[in-house]
Amino acid sequence: MPTLYPLVMGRSAMLATEHYLSASAGARIFACGGNAIDAAIAATFVEGVVNPHMHTIGGEAPMLIYPPSARRVVAINGNMMAPARATIAYFRALGLELIPGAGLLAAGVPAAFDALVTALRDFGTRSLADVLEPALQLAGDGFPMHVGLSGDPNLADEAWGGAGASLRSNAKRFLTKWPSSARVYLPDGKVPLPGSVLKNPALANFFKRVLDAESSAKNRGREAGLDAARERFYRGDIARDIVAWSDANGGLLAASDLARFTTRVESPASADYRGVTVFKCGPWSQGPVFLQQLKLLEGFDLTAMGHNSADYIHTVIEAAKLSFADREAYYGDPEFIDVPLAGLLSDRYAAIRRELIDSAHASMDQRPGDPVAMRAIRDGAATGARPWGAGTIHVTAADRDGNMIAVTASGGWIPSSPVIDALGFPLGTRMQTFYLDERHPNSLAPGKRPRTTLSPSLAMVKGESYLAFGTPGGDQQDQWTLQFFLNVVDFGMDLQAAIEAPKFSTPHFPSTFYPHGNSPGVVRIEDRVPATVRDTLAARGHKIEVRSPWSEGHVLGVQINTKTGVLAGGADPRGQAALVMPARVIGW
């Protein structure tokens, strides 16, 4: 079918990002001889400059990487960590039942910088100076403001998708409560219009500081230089700047929290589906929920149902409800809790859970199962979700050598926390996703990493690189990317067609984010899905919320044809249509 954006194809390099400037940054690294990991890391650093309403270096950066030399997929646990002073008792003493969604009380140790440098050191080929150069240039010299960041001056806030994250929507808060943010993002006290040049001198100076650390150790080799940059961030004067800012603004971070922080390089979770092996980050993320959905759906003939038919959408939604109920009941930091992942991903458990899907009726219940006792429904139910808040980017890349990487970075959002004067970026607020309930698998504890929605994906065929993909979207990430994946594998679409096809999602289950509400039975569906299909779904009990034609998802993907070696890339026009992020693909 015709698509709005072209499918980009090449033989040497492919990169898909959420902004044309980050895509060009990655392309520059490719052109200088870097591999896919080098290019993706350069692009992610730039995303933190040009899309700060979605991500900054104060946030998180989980990723999946396949380096052919290692012959295995690795997961980078780029997730933040709770400070030692962050206890359930502390928040209860403040009279709080939930951790706030904004401000320094929700700030943990920023993880993105360490994750990106770790990936660069272990799997890249370039120096930090190489991959940071584009971001440093854009922060210091400035970049042209895009409408997703500034806000459309011709539309009312509620009339467009990026309203909650834009500078226009947050101007009053910046001017009255967060003057450090106003100094960077509201020059002369006004919202900069699209096309005006925005500079962030403090961020540029931060980049120079970590590069100075790298340079001071370069005589000891590339890895020593990268380690020196990390050391300055987590144990040097940059760490002291972070802690001083936290102390001055009511946060809980201490120097010891940053000093003991390390990035985990882990084995990912995986599952096979119709000849494709899919890899996801572990249950500290929501990633395994993608795999649980696949295990349920492999028992259905989705192709025979027809793409986006009522039967197909009903089956996918009901599988999501069951899988996300298990996410709520079992997922959390495996360093602190025992997650029964083998049982959750087993064929036997999928079979007994699959029997709960009623082809004629939508479920209104939260129904976690018991993967230990192998029961379809366990005693008790999940609790408590709201729609996802805009605030994530994705970068994905591949090269002719078979290197593949998927980075889903988020946090450190400028609408959620004030900019640190000395550094030019805010701290992340992902501690809001913890529960203040000791019985919950994602309960708060010092040193624990919160269960995150950030969920990059990577797939292999017969041990060869095949797909890397992901999307912003909070709880909806592993619904939108699932549909993209099924479009490719079950319905034979090319990447761009699979991305642009009409999509849907459900907020049936408890939200990851403050205040953890939910909307049982609701299905959000783009109006490009025919009314007859929507009516049939409603007759089965689904509560249909019709959305605008380009609103469900911001998926990016790259693919390697295992037979021809041709690289392909796709980007979602929804980011531009919703005035949030101008996604692009570059390849050759």
Protein backbone atom coordinates (compact mmCIF):
# COMPACT_ATOMS: atom_id res chain seq x y z
CA MET A 1 0.00 0.00 0.00
CA PRO A 2 1.22 3.59 -0.54
CA THR A 3 2.88 5.25 2.44
CA LEU A 4 3.36 8.86 3.52
CA TYR A 5 7.07 8.36 4.15
CA PRO A 6 9.26 6.26 1.84
CA LEU A 7 10.89 3.01 2.84
CA VAL A 8 14.60 3.88 2.96
CA MET A 9 16.98 1.18 1.70
CA GLY A 10 20.73 0.83 1.42
CA ARG A 11 23.65 -1.55 1.67
CA SER A 12 26.01 0.03 4.20
CA ALA A 13 24.28 1.91 7.03
CA MET A 14 20.79 2.63 8.34
CA LEU A 15 19.63 4.88 11.17
CA ALA A 16 16.15 5.90 12.35
CA THR A 17 15.64 8.62 14.97
CA GLU A 18 13.02 11.02 16.30
CA HIS A 19 14.61 14.17 14.80
CA TYR A 20 16.34 14.96 11.53
CA LEU A 21 19.29 16.56 13.33
CA SER A 22 19.96 13.42 15.37
CA ALA A 23 19.67 11.33 12.21
CA SER A 24 22.24 13.54 10.48
CA ALA A 25 24.52 13.28 13.53
CA GLY A 26 24.47 9.50 13.33
CA ALA A 27 25.09 9.66 9.59
CA ARG A 28 28.19 11.77 10.20
CA ILE A 29 29.56 9.11 12.52
CA PHE A 30 28.84 6.40 9.96
CA ALA A 31 30.62 8.48 7.31
CA CYS A 32 33.69 8.74 9.53
CA GLY A 33 33.93 4.96 9.85
CA GLY A 34 31.86 4.37 12.97
CA ASN A 35 29.62 1.36 13.37
CA ALA A 36 25.90 1.23 14.18
CA ILE A 37 26.53 1.51 17.92
CA ASP A 38 28.70 4.61 17.50
CA ALA A 39 26.07 6.22 15.25
CA ALA A 40 23.15 5.45 17.54
CA ILE A 41 24.94 6.81 20.59
CA ALA A 42 25.81 10.04 18.77
CA ALA A 43 22.18 10.37 17.71
CA THR A 44 20.91 9.72 21.24
CA PHE A 45 23.14 12.46 22.66
CA VAL A 46 21.70 14.85 20.06
CA GLU A 47 18.13 13.79 20.91
CA GLY A 48 18.78 15.01 24.45
CA VAL A 49 19.58 18.46 23.02
CA VAL A 50 16.88 18.89 20.36
CA ASN A 51 14.04 16.93 22.01
CA PRO A 52 14.51 17.81 25.71
CA HIS A 53 10.75 17.62 26.27
CA MET A 54 11.13 13.89 25.53
CA HIS A 55 14.56 13.06 26.97
CA THR A 56 17.76 14.59 28.34
CA ILE A 57 21.00 13.13 29.63
CA GLY A 58 19.54 13.33 33.16
CA GLY A 59 17.26 10.40 32.35
CA GLU A 60 17.60 6.75 31.32
CA ALA A 61 18.68 4.79 28.23
CA PRO A 62 17.92 1.04 28.14
CA MET A 63 19.13 -0.63 24.97
CA LEU A 64 19.60 -3.91 23.14
CA ILE A 65 22.70 -4.52 21.05
CA TYR A 66 23.77 -7.30 18.72
CA PRO A 67 27.50 -7.19 17.94
CA PRO A 68 28.24 -10.01 15.45
CA SER A 69 31.68 -10.49 16.99
CA ALA A 70 30.04 -11.59 20.24
CA ARG A 71 27.40 -13.79 18.54
CA ARG A 72 24.89 -12.88 21.23
CA VAL A 73 22.41 -10.13 22.02
CA VAL A 74 23.14 -8.03 25.10
CA ALA A 75 20.87 -5.80 27.15
CA ILE A 76 22.16 -2.56 28.63
CA ASN A 77 20.27 -1.84 31.84
CA GLY A 78 20.27 1.92 31.46
CA ASN A 79 17.77 2.38 34.27
CA MET A 80 18.04 4.87 37.12
CA MET A 81 18.51 3.84 40.76
CA ALA A 82 16.73 4.98 43.92
CA PRO A 83 18.84 6.91 46.45
CA ALA A 84 19.69 5.37 49.81
CA ARG A 85 17.40 7.87 51.55
CA ALA A 86 14.42 6.94 49.35
CA THR A 87 12.36 4.67 51.57
CA ILE A 88 8.66 3.98 51.85
CA ALA A 89 8.80 5.22 55.45
CA TYR A 90 10.30 8.54 54.31
CA PHE A 91 7.47 9.26 51.88
CA ARG A 92 4.80 8.10 54.31
CA ALA A 93 6.24 10.48 56.91
CA LEU A 94 5.61 13.27 54.40
CA GLY A 95 1.98 12.21 54.23
CA LEU A 96 2.30 10.87 50.69
CA GLU A 97 0.63 7.76 49.33
CA LEU A 98 2.32 8.09 45.94
CA ILE A 99 5.69 9.45 44.85
CA PRO A 100 5.07 12.76 43.04
CA GLY A 101 5.27 12.79 39.26
CA ALA A 102 7.43 15.92 39.11
CA GLY A 103 10.18 17.58 41.08
CA LEU A 104 13.27 16.44 42.94
CA LEU A 105 11.56 14.00 45.32
CA ALA A 106 11.16 11.66 42.35
CA ALA A 107 14.79 12.01 41.20
CA GLY A 108 17.16 9.06 41.30
CA VAL A 109 20.69 8.55 39.99
CA PRO A 110 20.78 9.62 36.31
CA ALA A 111 21.60 6.54 34.25
CA ALA A 112 21.69 7.60 30.61
CA PHE A 113 25.26 8.90 30.51
CA ASP A 114 26.77 5.79 32.04
CA ALA A 115 24.66 3.52 29.82
CA LEU A 116 25.69 5.31 26.63
CA VAL A 117 29.37 5.41 27.54
CA THR A 118 29.29 1.74 28.60
CA ALA A 119 27.78 0.75 25.24
CA LEU A 120 30.33 2.89 23.40
CA ARG A 121 33.24 1.39 25.34
CA ASP A 122 32.16 -2.24 25.00
CA PHE A 123 30.63 -2.32 21.51
CA GLY A 124 31.55 0.90 19.69
CA THR A 125 34.77 1.96 18.02
CA ARG A 126 34.93 5.74 18.40
CA SER A 127 35.92 8.10 21.19
CA LEU A 128 33.46 10.08 23.30
CA ALA A 129 34.79 13.21 21.61
CA ASP A 130 33.77 11.78 18.24
CA VAL A 131 30.21 10.86 19.17
CA LEU A 132 29.59 13.95 21.33
CA GLU A 133 30.78 16.48 18.76
CA PRO A 134 27.37 16.95 17.05
CA ALA A 135 25.54 17.38 20.38
CA LEU A 136 28.20 19.79 21.65
CA GLN A 137 27.91 21.86 18.49
CA LEU A 138 24.11 22.04 18.67
CA ALA A 139 24.10 22.95 22.36
CA GLY A 140 26.80 25.59 22.01
CA ASP A 141 26.01 27.13 18.62
CA GLY A 142 22.27 26.53 18.87
CA PHE A 143 19.69 24.68 16.81
CA PRO A 144 16.51 25.83 15.04
CA MET A 145 13.50 25.38 17.30
CA HIS A 146 10.94 22.86 16.03
CA VAL A 147 7.23 23.11 16.71
CA GLY A 148 7.11 20.00 18.89
CA LEU A 149 9.40 21.64 21.44
CA SER A 150 8.15 25.21 21.23
CA GLY A 151 4.44 24.56 20.70
CA ASP A 152 2.26 25.73 17.83
CA PRO A 153 1.35 29.41 18.37
CA ASN A 154 -1.67 29.01 16.08
CA LEU A 155 -3.41 26.26 18.03
CA ALA A 156 -4.98 26.05 21.46
CA ASP A 157 -3.01 23.84 23.85
CA GLU A 158 -5.66 21.15 23.95
CA ALA A 159 -5.86 20.98 20.16
CA TRP A 160 -2.60 19.17 19.54
CA GLY A 161 -0.76 16.15 20.85
CA GLY A 162 2.39 17.77 22.20
CA ALA A 163 0.67 20.34 24.39
CA GLY A 164 1.65 18.91 27.75
CA ALA A 165 5.34 18.75 26.93
CA SER A 166 5.89 21.94 24.93
CA LEU A 167 7.63 25.08 26.14
CA ARG A 168 4.47 27.00 25.46
CA SER A 169 2.51 24.80 27.86
CA ASN A 170 5.18 24.98 30.56
CA ALA A 171 6.17 28.63 30.25
CA LYS A 172 4.23 29.78 33.31
CA ARG A 173 5.80 27.11 35.52
CA PHE A 174 9.29 27.94 34.26
CA LEU A 175 8.84 31.68 34.79
CA THR A 176 7.24 31.45 38.23
CA LYS A 177 8.78 28.33 39.79
CA TRP A 178 11.75 27.08 37.76
CA PRO A 179 13.84 30.11 36.75
CA SER A 180 16.81 27.91 35.80
CA SER A 181 14.65 26.28 33.11
CA ALA A 182 13.40 29.67 31.96
CA ARG A 183 16.95 30.95 31.53
CA VAL A 184 17.65 28.22 28.97
CA TYR A 185 14.33 27.67 27.26
CA LEU A 186 12.57 31.03 27.50
CA PRO A 187 15.10 33.60 26.23
CA ASP A 188 13.98 37.11 27.17
CA GLY A 189 11.12 35.53 29.13
CA LYS A 190 9.26 34.45 25.99
CA VAL A 191 8.53 31.15 24.26
CA PRO A 192 10.85 30.91 21.25
CA LEU A 193 8.96 30.53 17.99
CA PRO A 194 9.59 27.65 15.57
CA GLY A 195 12.67 28.45 13.52
CA SER A 196 14.34 30.61 16.16
CA VAL A 197 17.76 29.48 17.36
CA LEU A 198 18.02 28.03 20.86
CA LYS A 199 21.33 27.62 22.69
CA ASN A 200 22.16 25.79 25.92
CA PRO A 201 25.61 27.05 27.03
CA ALA A 202 25.54 25.17 30.33
CA LEU A 203 24.88 21.87 28.56
CA ALA A 204 27.67 22.62 26.08
CA ASN A 205 30.01 23.29 29.00
CA PHE A 206 28.96 20.01 30.62
CA PHE A 207 29.89 18.18 27.43
CA LYS A 208 33.27 19.94 27.42
CA ARG A 209 33.89 18.87 31.01
CA VAL A 210 33.40 15.16 30.32
CA LEU A 211 35.49 15.49 27.16
CA ASP A 212 38.27 17.15 29.14
CA ALA A 213 38.22 14.12 31.44
CA GLU A 214 38.47 11.79 28.46
CA SER A 215 41.31 13.81 26.98
CA SER A 216 43.27 13.75 30.23
CA ALA A 217 43.36 9.94 30.12
CA LYS A 218 43.71 9.38 26.37
CA ASN A 219 47.41 8.44 26.65
CA ARG A 220 46.24 5.28 28.47
CA GLY A 221 43.95 4.24 25.64
CA ARG A 222 40.36 4.62 24.40
CA GLU A 223 38.70 2.68 27.23
CA ALA A 224 40.62 4.59 29.90
CA GLY A 225 39.40 7.87 28.40
CA LEU A 226 35.79 6.71 28.45
CA ASP A 227 36.13 5.49 32.03
CA ALA A 228 37.60 8.86 33.03
CA ALA A 229 34.55 10.64 31.63
CA ARG A 230 32.26 8.35 33.62
CA GLU A 231 34.37 8.89 36.72
CA ARG A 232 34.01 12.66 36.48
CA PHE A 233 30.24 12.37 36.06
CA TYR A 234 29.57 9.95 38.93
CA ARG A 235 32.41 10.61 41.35
CA GLY A 236 33.89 13.99 40.45
CA ASP A 237 32.82 17.61 40.28
CA ILE A 238 29.80 16.86 38.07
CA ALA A 239 28.48 14.49 40.74
CA ARG A 240 28.98 17.27 43.31
CA ASP A 241 26.97 19.67 41.13
CA ILE A 242 24.13 17.13 40.91
CA VAL A 243 24.06 16.51 44.65
CA ALA A 244 24.22 20.22 45.46
CA TRP A 245 21.26 20.85 43.17
CA SER A 246 19.31 17.98 44.72
CA ASP A 247 20.00 19.25 48.24
CA ALA A 248 18.99 22.80 47.35
CA ASN A 249 15.69 21.66 45.84
CA GLY A 250 14.48 19.03 48.29
CA GLY A 251 15.86 15.92 46.59
CA LEU A 252 17.27 12.77 48.17
CA LEU A 253 20.47 12.16 46.19
CA ALA A 254 23.81 11.84 47.99
CA ALA A 255 27.35 11.58 46.65
CA SER A 256 27.47 7.95 47.73
CA ASP A 257 24.45 7.14 45.53
CA LEU A 258 26.22 8.33 42.41
CA ALA A 259 29.55 6.81 43.44
CA ARG A 260 28.13 3.29 43.73
CA PHE A 261 26.10 3.42 40.53
CA THR A 262 27.07 1.06 37.73
CA THR A 263 25.42 0.04 34.47
CA ARG A 264 24.52 -3.63 34.20
CA VAL A 265 25.28 -5.45 30.94
CA GLU A 266 22.90 -8.40 30.95
CA SER A 267 21.48 -11.32 29.00
CA PRO A 268 18.08 -10.35 27.60
CA ALA A 269 14.78 -12.23 27.76
CA SER A 270 13.71 -13.92 24.54
CA ALA A 271 10.98 -15.93 22.84
CA ASP A 272 10.50 -17.54 19.43
CA TYR A 273 7.58 -16.61 17.20
CA ARG A 274 7.00 -18.11 13.76
CA GLY A 275 10.71 -18.57 13.11
CA VAL A 276 11.81 -15.23 14.56
CA THR A 277 13.60 -14.94 17.92
CA VAL A 278 12.65 -11.72 19.70
CA PHE A 279 14.82 -10.22 22.44
CA LYS A 280 13.70 -7.80 25.16
CA CYS A 281 15.23 -6.31 28.28
CA GLY A 282 14.55 -8.16 31.53
CA PRO A 283 11.62 -7.69 33.93
CA TRP A 284 13.09 -4.49 35.34
CA SER A 285 11.48 -3.21 32.15
CA GLN A 286 8.06 -4.07 30.77
CA GLY A 287 9.85 -5.76 27.84
CA PRO A 288 8.86 -9.36 28.62
CA VAL A 289 5.20 -8.36 28.24
CA PHE A 290 5.87 -8.20 24.48
CA LEU A 291 7.07 -11.79 24.62
CA GLN A 292 4.09 -12.90 26.72
CA GLN A 293 1.75 -11.45 24.12
CA LEU A 294 3.57 -13.34 21.37
CA LYS A 295 3.29 -16.59 23.32
CA LEU A 296 -0.46 -16.13 23.60
CA LEU A 297 -0.94 -15.03 19.99
CA GLU A 298 1.05 -17.84 18.40
CA GLY A 299 -1.92 -20.07 19.16
CA PHE A 300 -4.16 -18.08 16.80
CA ASP A 301 -4.21 -17.84 13.01
CA LEU A 302 -3.94 -14.07 12.87
CA THR A 303 -3.43 -14.01 9.11
CA ALA A 304 -6.70 -15.83 8.55
CA MET A 305 -8.51 -13.34 10.77
CA GLY A 306 -7.40 -10.49 8.50
CA HIS A 307 -5.36 -7.43 9.32
CA ASN A 308 -7.18 -5.05 11.69
CA SER A 309 -10.39 -7.07 11.45
CA ALA A 310 -12.65 -7.10 14.49
CA ASP A 311 -11.49 -10.63 15.34
CA TYR A 312 -7.84 -9.65 15.05
CA ILE A 313 -8.07 -6.48 17.13
CA HIS A 314 -10.21 -8.21 19.76
CA THR A 315 -7.71 -11.08 20.09
CA VAL A 316 -4.68 -8.78 20.31
CA ILE A 317 -6.35 -6.55 22.91
CA GLU A 318 -7.43 -9.49 25.07
CA ALA A 319 -3.90 -10.94 24.93
CA ALA A 320 -2.55 -7.55 26.02
CA LYS A 321 -4.91 -7.46 29.02
CA LEU A 322 -3.69 -10.83 30.26
CA SER A 323 -0.01 -10.07 29.66
CA PHE A 324 -0.08 -6.64 31.31
CA ALA A 325 -1.95 -8.08 34.30
CA ASP A 326 1.08 -10.33 34.81
CA ARG A 327 3.39 -7.36 34.36
CA GLU A 328 1.66 -5.63 37.24
CA ALA A 329 1.66 -8.73 39.41
CA TYR A 330 5.24 -9.93 38.90
CA TYR A 331 7.65 -7.52 37.18
CA GLY A 332 10.25 -5.59 39.14
CA ASP A 333 13.99 -5.27 39.70
CA PRO A 334 15.24 -8.90 39.75
CA GLU A 335 18.06 -7.85 42.07
CA PHE A 336 15.38 -7.34 44.73
CA ILE A 337 12.56 -9.77 43.87
CA ASP A 338 12.24 -13.22 42.33
CA VAL A 339 10.46 -12.75 38.99
CA PRO A 340 9.14 -16.13 37.67
CA LEU A 341 10.16 -15.26 34.13
CA ALA A 342 10.70 -18.83 32.92
CA GLY A 343 7.15 -19.70 33.92
CA LEU A 344 5.70 -16.52 32.47
CA LEU A 345 7.28 -17.27 29.07
CA SER A 346 6.64 -21.01 29.04
CA ASP A 347 4.48 -22.78 26.45
CA ARG A 348 2.43 -24.43 29.19
CA TYR A 349 1.56 -21.16 30.89
CA ALA A 350 0.65 -19.53 27.57
CA ALA A 351 -1.66 -22.41 26.76
CA ILE A 352 -3.62 -22.20 30.00
CA ARG A 353 -3.81 -18.42 29.84
CA ARG A 354 -4.90 -18.50 26.19
CA GLU A 355 -8.06 -20.33 27.22
CA LEU A 356 -9.19 -17.18 29.07
CA ILE A 357 -9.60 -15.26 25.80
CA ASP A 358 -13.31 -15.21 24.95
CA SER A 359 -13.71 -14.61 21.23
CA ALA A 360 -17.11 -12.99 21.72
CA HIS A 361 -16.71 -10.85 24.84
CA ALA A 362 -14.25 -8.24 26.14
CA SER A 363 -12.94 -8.81 29.63
CA MET A 364 -13.38 -6.01 32.17
CA ASP A 365 -11.21 -7.62 34.86
CA GLN A 366 -7.56 -7.57 35.87
CA ARG A 367 -6.59 -11.25 35.70
CA PRO A 368 -3.00 -12.08 36.58
CA GLY A 369 -2.17 -15.76 36.42
CA ASP A 370 0.08 -17.98 38.50
CA PRO A 371 3.14 -19.07 36.48
CA VAL A 372 4.57 -21.01 39.42
CA ALA A 373 1.55 -23.19 40.21
CA MET A 374 0.55 -23.03 36.52
CA ARG A 375 -2.94 -21.68 37.16
CA ALA A 376 -4.81 -19.52 34.67
CA ILE A 377 -5.86 -17.00 37.35
CA ARG A 378 -4.21 -16.42 40.69
CA ASP A 379 -5.91 -15.37 43.89
CA GLY A 380 -6.18 -11.58 44.17
CA ALA A 381 -5.95 -9.03 41.39
CA ALA A 382 -3.81 -6.17 40.24
CA THR A 383 -4.72 -2.71 41.37
CA GLY A 384 -4.93 0.75 40.61
CA ALA A 385 -3.37 4.25 35.15
CA ARG A 386 -3.72 7.11 33.21
CA PRO A 387 -2.80 7.70 29.58
CA TRP A 388 0.92 7.79 28.83
CA GLY A 389 2.64 11.11 29.11
CA ALA A 390 4.72 12.24 26.15
CA GLY A 391 8.34 11.89 27.08
CA THR A 392 10.55 9.31 25.35
CA ILE A 393 12.68 8.99 22.22
CA HIS A 394 13.90 6.00 20.25
CA VAL A 395 17.00 5.54 18.12
CA THR A 396 17.80 2.41 16.15
CA ALA A 397 20.59 1.55 13.73
CA ALA A 398 22.19 -1.24 11.71
CA ASP A 399 25.25 -1.61 9.48
CA ARG A 400 26.48 -3.95 6.77
CA ASP A 401 28.54 -5.94 9.26
CA GLY A 402 25.36 -6.98 11.06
CA ASN A 403 25.67 -4.69 14.08
CA MET A 404 22.21 -3.73 15.35
CA ILE A 405 21.12 -1.50 18.22
CA ALA A 406 17.84 -0.27 19.66
CA VAL A 407 17.93 2.54 22.23
CA THR A 408 14.79 3.72 24.01
CA ALA A 409 15.86 6.75 26.02
CA SER A 410 13.66 8.86 28.24
CA GLY A 411 13.49 10.77 31.50
CA GLY A 412 15.12 14.00 32.54
CA TRP A 413 12.15 15.72 30.89
CA ILE A 414 12.20 19.51 31.09
CA PRO A 415 8.45 19.64 31.94
CA SER A 416 9.01 17.42 35.01
CA SER A 417 12.07 18.82 36.78
CA PRO A 418 14.02 22.11 36.77
CA VAL A 419 17.22 22.43 34.76
CA ILE A 420 20.41 22.23 36.82
CA ASP A 421 22.02 25.66 36.36
CA ALA A 422 25.58 24.35 36.24
CA LEU A 423 24.85 21.46 33.85
CA GLY A 424 22.03 22.50 31.53
CA PHE A 425 19.81 19.43 32.04
CA PRO A 426 17.23 18.34 34.64
CA LEU A 427 17.20 15.17 36.71
CA GLY A 428 14.81 12.36 35.88
CA THR A 429 11.63 11.67 37.85
CA ARG A 430 11.16 7.96 37.18
CA MET A 431 10.94 7.15 40.89
CA GLN A 432 7.28 8.15 40.44
CA THR A 433 6.75 4.68 38.97
CA PHE A 434 7.54 2.96 42.28
CA TYR A 435 4.70 1.96 44.61
CA LEU A 436 4.73 2.84 48.30
CA ASP A 437 3.45 -0.63 49.14
CA GLU A 438 5.86 -3.30 50.34
CA ARG A 439 3.67 -6.04 48.83
CA HIS A 440 4.02 -4.75 45.27
CA PRO A 441 6.88 -6.18 43.12
CA ASN A 442 7.70 -2.63 42.05
CA SER A 443 7.76 -1.23 45.57
CA LEU A 444 10.28 1.44 46.49
CA ALA A 445 13.54 0.41 48.15
CA PRO A 446 16.95 2.10 48.41
CA GLY A 447 19.24 1.10 45.54
CA LYS A 448 16.37 -0.47 43.60
CA ARG A 449 15.68 0.32 39.96
CA PRO A 450 12.05 1.10 39.14
CA ARG A 451 10.20 -1.02 36.63
CA THR A 452 10.34 1.04 33.48
CA THR A 453 8.16 1.21 30.40
CA LEU A 454 11.25 1.78 28.22
CA SER A 455 11.31 -1.22 25.95
CA PRO A 456 13.66 -1.51 22.95
CA SER A 457 13.28 -4.59 20.73
CA LEU A 458 15.62 -6.67 18.63
CA ALA A 459 14.89 -9.77 16.54
CA MET A 460 17.02 -12.44 14.87
CA VAL A 461 16.35 -15.11 12.26
CA LYS A 462 18.48 -18.27 12.42
CA GLY A 463 21.09 -16.42 14.44
CA GLU A 464 21.38 -13.54 11.97
CA SER A 465 20.47 -9.87 12.45
CA TYR A 466 16.92 -9.15 11.33
CA LEU A 467 15.03 -6.30 13.07
CA ALA A 468 15.66 -3.54 15.62
CA PHE A 469 12.75 -1.33 16.61
CA GLY A 470 11.00 0.65 19.32
CA THR A 471 8.78 3.61 20.13
CA PRO A 472 8.02 6.24 22.74
CA GLY A 473 4.69 5.74 24.46
CA GLY A 474 4.90 4.55 28.07
CA ASP A 475 2.56 1.63 28.69
CA GLN A 476 1.59 1.60 25.02
CA GLN A 477 5.12 0.87 23.77
CA ASP A 478 4.74 -2.91 23.76
CA GLN A 479 1.32 -2.66 22.16
CA TRP A 480 2.29 -0.41 19.24
CA THR A 481 5.54 -2.25 18.55
CA LEU A 482 3.74 -5.59 18.79
CA GLN A 483 1.36 -4.52 16.03
CA PHE A 484 4.30 -3.31 13.94
CA PHE A 485 6.04 -6.66 14.42
CA LEU A 486 2.90 -8.66 13.55
CA ASN A 487 2.43 -6.47 10.47
CA VAL A 488 5.89 -7.53 9.28
CA VAL A 489 5.91 -11.18 10.34
CA ASP A 490 2.27 -12.26 9.94
CA PHE A 491 1.09 -9.89 7.23
CA GLY A 492 4.25 -9.46 5.15
CA MET A 493 4.34 -5.67 5.18
CA ASP A 494 7.55 -3.74 4.58
CA LEU A 495 8.82 -1.65 7.49
CA GLN A 496 7.25 1.63 6.45
CA ALA A 497 3.86 0.11 5.70
CA ALA A 498 3.99 -1.76 9.01
CA ILE A 499 4.73 1.49 10.85
CA GLU A 500 2.04 3.54 9.13
CA ALA A 501 -0.77 0.96 9.35
CA PRO A 502 -3.66 2.05 11.64
CA LYS A 503 -3.03 1.12 15.27
CA PHE A 504 -4.85 0.80 18.58
CA SER A 505 -4.09 0.34 22.29
CA THR A 506 -5.73 -0.22 25.64
CA PRO A 507 -5.21 1.45 29.04
CA HIS A 508 -7.16 -1.39 30.68
CA PHE A 509 -4.41 -2.17 33.19
CA PRO A 510 -2.78 -0.03 35.93
CA SER A 511 -0.53 2.68 34.53
CA THR A 512 3.16 2.71 35.29
CA PHE A 513 3.04 6.45 35.95
CA TYR A 514 1.65 8.60 38.73
CA PRO A 515 -1.16 8.26 39.80
CA HIS A 516 -1.39 4.65 38.50
CA GLY A 517 -5.05 4.76 37.40
CA ASN A 518 -6.63 2.54 34.75
CA SER A 519 -9.56 2.47 32.30
CA PRO A 520 -11.04 -1.04 32.17
CA GLY A 521 -12.26 -2.15 28.77
CA VAL A 522 -11.20 1.00 26.91
CA VAL A 523 -9.75 0.62 23.43
CA ARG A 524 -8.21 3.65 21.73
CA ILE A 525 -8.34 3.20 18.00
CA GLU A 526 -7.41 5.40 15.07
CA ASP A 527 -10.34 6.47 12.94
CA ARG A 528 -8.70 4.95 9.87
CA VAL A 529 -9.95 1.59 11.17
CA PRO A 530 -13.39 1.22 9.53
CA ALA A 531 -16.49 2.13 11.54
CA THR A 532 -17.91 -1.35 10.92
CA VAL A 533 -14.94 -2.87 12.72
CA ARG A 534 -15.22 -0.40 15.60
CA ASP A 535 -18.94 -1.12 15.92
CA THR A 536 -18.33 -4.87 16.05
CA LEU A 537 -15.75 -4.37 18.80
CA ALA A 538 -18.21 -2.23 20.75
CA ALA A 539 -20.83 -4.98 20.43
CA ARG A 540 -18.35 -7.35 22.11
CA GLY A 541 -18.12 -4.99 25.08
CA HIS A 542 -15.06 -2.91 24.27
CA LYS A 543 -15.35 0.76 25.23
CA ILE A 544 -14.23 2.38 22.00
CA GLU A 545 -12.45 5.74 22.03
CA VAL A 546 -11.93 6.90 18.45
CA ARG A 547 -8.65 8.78 18.00
CA SER A 548 -7.30 10.97 15.22
CA PRO A 549 -5.91 9.13 12.18
CA TRP A 550 -2.22 9.50 13.11
CA SER A 551 -2.12 9.28 16.89
CA GLU A 552 -1.27 5.73 18.01
CA GLY A 553 2.48 5.25 18.06
CA HIS A 554 5.86 6.69 17.09
CA VAL A 555 7.53 3.48 15.90
CA LEU A 556 10.98 3.41 14.31
CA GLY A 557 12.62 0.35 12.82
CA VAL A 558 15.59 -0.93 10.85
CA GLN A 559 15.88 -4.28 9.12
CA ILE A 560 18.57 -6.43 7.55
CA ASN A 561 17.53 -8.80 4.79
CA THR A 562 19.35 -11.96 5.80
CA LYS A 563 19.47 -13.21 2.18
CA THR A 564 20.45 -10.08 0.23
CA GLY A 565 22.10 -7.98 2.93
CA VAL A 566 19.90 -5.01 2.00
CA LEU A 567 19.27 -2.63 4.91
CA ALA A 568 15.89 -0.94 5.29
CA GLY A 569 14.60 1.72 7.66
CA GLY A 570 11.24 3.21 8.55
CA ALA A 571 10.06 6.21 10.59
CA ASP A 572 6.63 7.09 11.90
CA PRO A 573 4.90 10.15 10.42
CA ARG A 574 2.76 10.32 13.56
CA GLY A 575 5.45 12.29 15.38
CA GLN A 576 5.24 15.07 12.82
CA ALA A 577 1.45 14.81 12.45
CA ALA A 578 1.01 15.22 16.20
CA LEU A 579 3.52 18.10 16.33
CA VAL A 580 5.74 16.26 18.80
CA MET A 581 8.88 14.97 17.04
CA PRO A 582 10.03 15.10 13.39
CA ALA A 583 11.25 11.50 12.96
CA ARG A 584 13.62 10.65 10.12
CA VAL A 585 15.57 7.79 8.54
CA ILE A 586 18.97 8.09 6.86
CA GLY A 587 20.59 5.21 5.04
CA TRP A 588 22.74 4.34 2.09
